Amino acid sequence: TLQDSNDSARKEKNIEPKTRKKRKIGREPLYVRWDTTKPISYEFADSIPQSTRHKIREAIALWELRTCVRFLENGPSVDRIEFFDGGGCSSFVGKTGGTQVFAKRC
């Protein structure tokens, strides 16, 4: 078999697989997580219409139903999400600190 041939070749040529030295890359998370013991504060930019706010609130309710993440509209935290009418659908992954914008045009 192919495996037997490879084993024989390794023995004949005294070839042993090299051990790989592990580096420290990737040990730190690429993003900061939100504190799961507190709700995530969020707010709406003035440009967000009431109908869109209603849809976002429905989506948040669904996230809360299916995950352990909780949200609080106009909560007291300095770290918060602001939904605004941006040119796309985007946000950073994790928590950036301060007001983190979320473009809602998806």
Protein backbone atom coordinates (compact mmCIF):
# COMPACT_ATOMS: atom_id res chain seq x y z
CA THR A 1 0.00 0.00 0.00
CA LEU A 2 0.98 3.60 -0.26
CA GLN A 3 1.29 3.86 3.52
CA ASP A 4 3.68 0.86 3.61
CA SER A 5 5.79 2.41 0.81
CA ASN A 6 6.03 5.70 2.70
CA ASP A 7 6.99 3.91 5.92
CA SER A 8 9.67 1.88 4.09
CA ALA A 9 11.09 4.96 2.38
CA ARG A 10 11.23 6.77 5.69
CA LYS A 11 13.13 3.88 7.31
CA GLU A 12 15.58 3.52 4.40
CA LYS A 13 16.42 7.20 4.20
CA ASN A 14 16.13 7.72 7.95
CA ILE A 15 13.50 10.40 7.33
CA GLU A 16 11.52 11.35 10.38
CA PRO A 17 8.78 13.94 10.45
CA LYS A 18 9.95 17.23 11.92
CA THR A 19 8.24 18.51 15.01
CA ARG A 20 6.57 21.84 14.55
CA LYS A 21 7.39 24.65 16.96
CA LYS A 22 4.23 26.41 18.07
CA ARG A 23 4.21 30.17 17.95
CA LYS A 24 2.23 32.49 20.15
CA ILE A 25 0.20 33.93 17.31
CA GLY A 26 -3.54 33.84 17.80
CA ARG A 27 -3.44 33.40 21.55
CA GLU A 28 -5.14 36.70 22.24
CA PRO A 29 -8.68 37.16 20.98
CA LEU A 30 -9.03 39.31 17.89
CA TYR A 31 -11.87 41.22 19.49
CA VAL A 32 -13.18 42.12 22.94
CA ARG A 33 -16.38 40.47 24.02
CA TRP A 34 -19.31 42.23 25.61
CA ASP A 35 -19.84 41.65 29.33
CA THR A 36 -22.47 38.89 29.43
CA THR A 37 -23.50 39.77 32.98
CA LYS A 38 -24.92 43.12 31.84
CA PRO A 39 -27.31 44.04 29.04
CA ILE A 40 -25.85 45.72 25.98
CA SER A 41 -27.05 49.31 25.78
CA TYR A 42 -28.27 50.47 22.40
CA GLU A 43 -29.80 53.57 20.86
CA PHE A 44 -31.12 54.80 17.55
CA ALA A 45 -29.79 57.72 15.54
CA ASP A 46 -32.42 60.39 14.92
CA SER A 47 -32.43 59.45 11.21
CA ILE A 48 -33.88 55.97 11.90
CA PRO A 49 -37.66 55.99 11.19
CA GLN A 50 -40.08 54.50 13.72
CA SER A 51 -40.98 51.62 11.39
CA THR A 52 -37.33 50.60 11.16
CA ARG A 53 -36.87 50.94 14.92
CA HIS A 54 -39.79 48.57 15.37
CA LYS A 55 -38.14 45.97 13.09
CA ILE A 56 -34.82 46.28 14.93
CA ARG A 57 -36.57 45.85 18.29
CA GLU A 58 -38.25 42.70 16.93
CA ALA A 59 -34.85 41.35 15.82
CA ILE A 60 -33.36 42.12 19.24
CA ALA A 61 -36.26 40.31 20.93
CA LEU A 62 -35.50 37.28 18.77
CA TRP A 63 -31.79 37.39 19.69
CA GLU A 64 -32.74 37.58 23.36
CA LEU A 65 -35.12 34.65 22.97
CA ARG A 66 -32.54 32.41 21.31
CA THR A 67 -29.32 33.48 23.07
CA CYS A 68 -28.08 34.54 26.49
CA VAL A 69 -27.37 38.07 25.18
CA ARG A 70 -29.56 40.85 26.60
CA PHE A 71 -30.09 44.41 25.36
CA LEU A 72 -31.34 47.61 26.97
CA GLU A 73 -32.58 50.51 24.87
CA ASN A 74 -31.06 53.82 26.00
CA GLY A 75 -29.23 51.99 28.78
CA PRO A 76 -26.69 53.73 31.03
CA SER A 77 -23.52 52.07 29.69
CA VAL A 78 -20.88 54.16 27.92
CA ASP A 79 -20.18 51.11 25.74
CA ARG A 80 -23.19 50.93 23.46
CA ILE A 81 -24.46 50.21 19.98
CA GLU A 82 -25.93 52.99 17.88
CA PHE A 83 -28.09 51.97 14.94
CA PHE A 84 -27.80 54.52 12.14
CA ASP A 85 -28.80 54.82 8.52
CA GLY A 86 -25.48 54.04 6.88
CA GLY A 87 -24.56 53.19 3.34
CA GLY A 88 -24.51 49.45 3.98
CA CYS A 89 -24.84 46.81 6.63
CA SER A 90 -21.79 46.76 8.86
CA SER A 91 -20.32 46.86 12.33
CA PHE A 92 -17.12 45.75 14.01
CA VAL A 93 -17.04 42.27 15.52
CA GLY A 94 -17.00 42.30 19.31
CA LYS A 95 -16.85 45.42 21.43
CA THR A 96 -14.80 48.43 20.35
CA GLY A 97 -15.54 50.57 23.41
CA GLY A 98 -17.62 53.72 23.55
CA THR A 99 -20.37 54.12 20.99
CA GLN A 100 -20.14 51.41 18.35
CA VAL A 101 -22.07 52.20 15.19
CA PHE A 102 -24.13 49.63 13.33
CA ALA A 103 -25.17 50.53 9.81
CA LYS A 104 -28.60 49.02 9.33
CA ARG A 105 -29.10 49.20 5.57
CA CYS A 106 -29.03 45.49 4.72
